[in-house]
Amino acid sequence: MNEHETAAAATPTKKQVRKEIAEKLTGALAEYKKELGEKKLATHVKKVSKLISRDLLKSNKKQQATKKKPAAKTRQKSEKK
């Protein structure tokens, strides 16, 4: 694999995250499929997976941003000395 393919595999896209969440929810809620119906369950799972994936990606971006900032500050302090 080249560098582009490995970078893409390391950071999942919105669609990939959403699909993973939908699969896990569908498996976990399989017993409710009879009660709600397949179409309603699929609609609700789609909405929930969209919300969860959006929040996960936001939190990942925040974590990456906070990791980068302290490194920049330590360099500035060492340069002043």
C-alpha atoms as a PDB file:
ATOM      1  CA  MET A   1       0.000   0.000   0.000  1.00  0.00           C
ATOM      2  CA  ASN A   2       1.121   3.504  -0.632  1.00  0.00           C
ATOM      3  CA  GLU A   3       1.019   6.373   1.877  1.00  0.00           C
ATOM      4  CA  HIS A   4      -2.366   7.650   0.695  1.00  0.00           C
ATOM      5  CA  GLU A   5      -4.123   4.333   1.255  1.00  0.00           C
ATOM      6  CA  THR A   6      -2.683   3.871   4.748  1.00  0.00           C
ATOM      7  CA  ALA A   7      -3.650   7.409   5.763  1.00  0.00           C
ATOM      8  CA  ALA A   8      -7.197   6.832   4.537  1.00  0.00           C
ATOM      9  CA  ALA A   9      -7.462   3.598   6.487  1.00  0.00           C
ATOM     10  CA  ALA A  10      -6.218   5.222   9.682  1.00  0.00           C
ATOM     11  CA  THR A  11      -8.794   8.037   9.662  1.00  0.00           C
ATOM     12  CA  PRO A  12     -12.304   6.766   8.959  1.00  0.00           C
ATOM     13  CA  THR A  13     -14.667   8.977   7.016  1.00  0.00           C
ATOM     14  CA  LYS A  14     -18.107  10.090   8.155  1.00  0.00           C
ATOM     15  CA  LYS A  15     -19.785   7.421   6.050  1.00  0.00           C
ATOM     16  CA  GLN A  16     -17.599   4.632   7.385  1.00  0.00           C
ATOM     17  CA  VAL A  17     -18.242   5.629  10.987  1.00  0.00           C
ATOM     18  CA  ARG A  18     -21.957   5.955  10.332  1.00  0.00           C
ATOM     19  CA  LYS A  19     -22.123   2.522   8.701  1.00  0.00           C
ATOM     20  CA  GLU A  20     -20.256   0.868  11.584  1.00  0.00           C
ATOM     21  CA  ILE A  21     -22.591   2.416  14.136  1.00  0.00           C
ATOM     22  CA  ALA A  22     -25.665   1.457  12.125  1.00  0.00           C
ATOM     23  CA  GLU A  23     -24.490  -2.159  11.864  1.00  0.00           C
ATOM     24  CA  LYS A  24     -23.844  -2.382  15.596  1.00  0.00           C
ATOM     25  CA  LEU A  25     -27.187  -0.806  16.475  1.00  0.00           C
ATOM     26  CA  THR A  26     -29.087  -3.025  14.065  1.00  0.00           C
ATOM     27  CA  GLY A  27     -27.493  -6.111  15.588  1.00  0.00           C
ATOM     28  CA  ALA A  28     -28.150  -4.940  19.127  1.00  0.00           C
ATOM     29  CA  LEU A  29     -31.773  -4.023  18.432  1.00  0.00           C
ATOM     30  CA  ALA A  30     -32.672  -7.025  16.280  1.00  0.00           C
ATOM     31  CA  GLU A  31     -35.317  -8.204  18.748  1.00  0.00           C
ATOM     32  CA  TYR A  32     -37.235  -4.926  18.328  1.00  0.00           C
ATOM     33  CA  LYS A  33     -37.476  -5.399  14.579  1.00  0.00           C
ATOM     34  CA  LYS A  34     -40.638  -7.500  15.035  1.00  0.00           C
ATOM     35  CA  GLU A  35     -42.321  -4.901  17.224  1.00  0.00           C
ATOM     36  CA  LEU A  36     -41.462  -1.756  15.269  1.00  0.00           C
ATOM     37  CA  GLY A  37     -41.181  -3.162  11.801  1.00  0.00           C
ATOM     38  CA  GLU A  38     -38.120  -3.278   9.621  1.00  0.00           C
ATOM     39  CA  LYS A  39     -38.655   0.078   7.933  1.00  0.00           C
ATOM     40  CA  LYS A  40     -39.228   2.082  11.133  1.00  0.00           C
ATOM     41  CA  LEU A  41     -36.281   0.486  12.873  1.00  0.00           C
ATOM     42  CA  ALA A  42     -34.024   1.239   9.905  1.00  0.00           C
ATOM     43  CA  THR A  43     -35.166   4.872   9.902  1.00  0.00           C
ATOM     44  CA  HIS A  44     -34.517   5.317  13.604  1.00  0.00           C
ATOM     45  CA  VAL A  45     -31.149   3.568  13.428  1.00  0.00           C
ATOM     46  CA  LYS A  46     -30.130   5.826  10.544  1.00  0.00           C
ATOM     47  CA  LYS A  47     -31.006   8.978  12.508  1.00  0.00           C
ATOM     48  CA  VAL A  48     -29.249   7.826  15.657  1.00  0.00           C
ATOM     49  CA  SER A  49     -26.117   6.691  13.818  1.00  0.00           C
ATOM     50  CA  LYS A  50     -25.935  10.057  12.077  1.00  0.00           C
ATOM     51  CA  LEU A  51     -26.074  11.907  15.398  1.00  0.00           C
ATOM     52  CA  ILE A  52     -23.572   9.665  17.133  1.00  0.00           C
ATOM     53  CA  SER A  53     -21.079   9.731  14.263  1.00  0.00           C
ATOM     54  CA  ARG A  54     -21.244  13.520  14.089  1.00  0.00           C
ATOM     55  CA  ASP A  55     -20.514  13.818  17.806  1.00  0.00           C
ATOM     56  CA  LEU A  56     -17.692  11.257  17.639  1.00  0.00           C
ATOM     57  CA  LEU A  57     -15.980  13.079  14.801  1.00  0.00           C
ATOM     58  CA  LYS A  58     -16.311  16.405  16.641  1.00  0.00           C
ATOM     59  CA  SER A  59     -14.764  14.988  19.782  1.00  0.00           C
ATOM     60  CA  ASN A  60     -11.917  13.438  17.768  1.00  0.00           C
ATOM     61  CA  LYS A  61     -11.159  16.802  16.176  1.00  0.00           C
ATOM     62  CA  LYS A  62     -11.140  18.501  19.582  1.00  0.00           C
ATOM     63  CA  GLN A  63      -8.752  15.891  20.985  1.00  0.00           C
ATOM     64  CA  GLN A  64      -6.401  16.295  18.045  1.00  0.00           C
ATOM     65  CA  ALA A  65      -6.463  20.079  18.383  1.00  0.00           C
ATOM     66  CA  THR A  66      -5.684  19.965  22.096  1.00  0.00           C
ATOM     67  CA  LYS A  67      -2.810  17.545  21.535  1.00  0.00           C
ATOM     68  CA  LYS A  68      -1.175  19.878  19.022  1.00  0.00           C
ATOM     69  CA  LYS A  69      -1.461  23.099  21.055  1.00  0.00           C
ATOM     70  CA  PRO A  70       0.665  22.122  24.093  1.00  0.00           C
ATOM     71  CA  ALA A  71       3.519  21.053  21.853  1.00  0.00           C
ATOM     72  CA  ALA A  72       3.616  24.483  20.232  1.00  0.00           C
ATOM     73  CA  LYS A  73       3.629  26.240  23.614  1.00  0.00           C
ATOM     74  CA  THR A  74       6.567  24.216  24.940  1.00  0.00           C
ATOM     75  CA  ARG A  75       8.653  25.150  21.930  1.00  0.00           C
ATOM     76  CA  GLN A  76       7.985  28.835  22.474  1.00  0.00           C
ATOM     77  CA  LYS A  77       9.072  28.637  26.111  1.00  0.00           C
ATOM     78  CA  SER A  78      12.307  26.883  25.227  1.00  0.00           C
ATOM     79  CA  GLU A  79      13.064  29.470  22.539  1.00  0.00           C
ATOM     80  CA  LYS A  80      12.723  32.336  25.054  1.00  0.00           C
ATOM     81  CA  LYS A  81      15.368  30.846  27.372  1.00  0.00           C
END
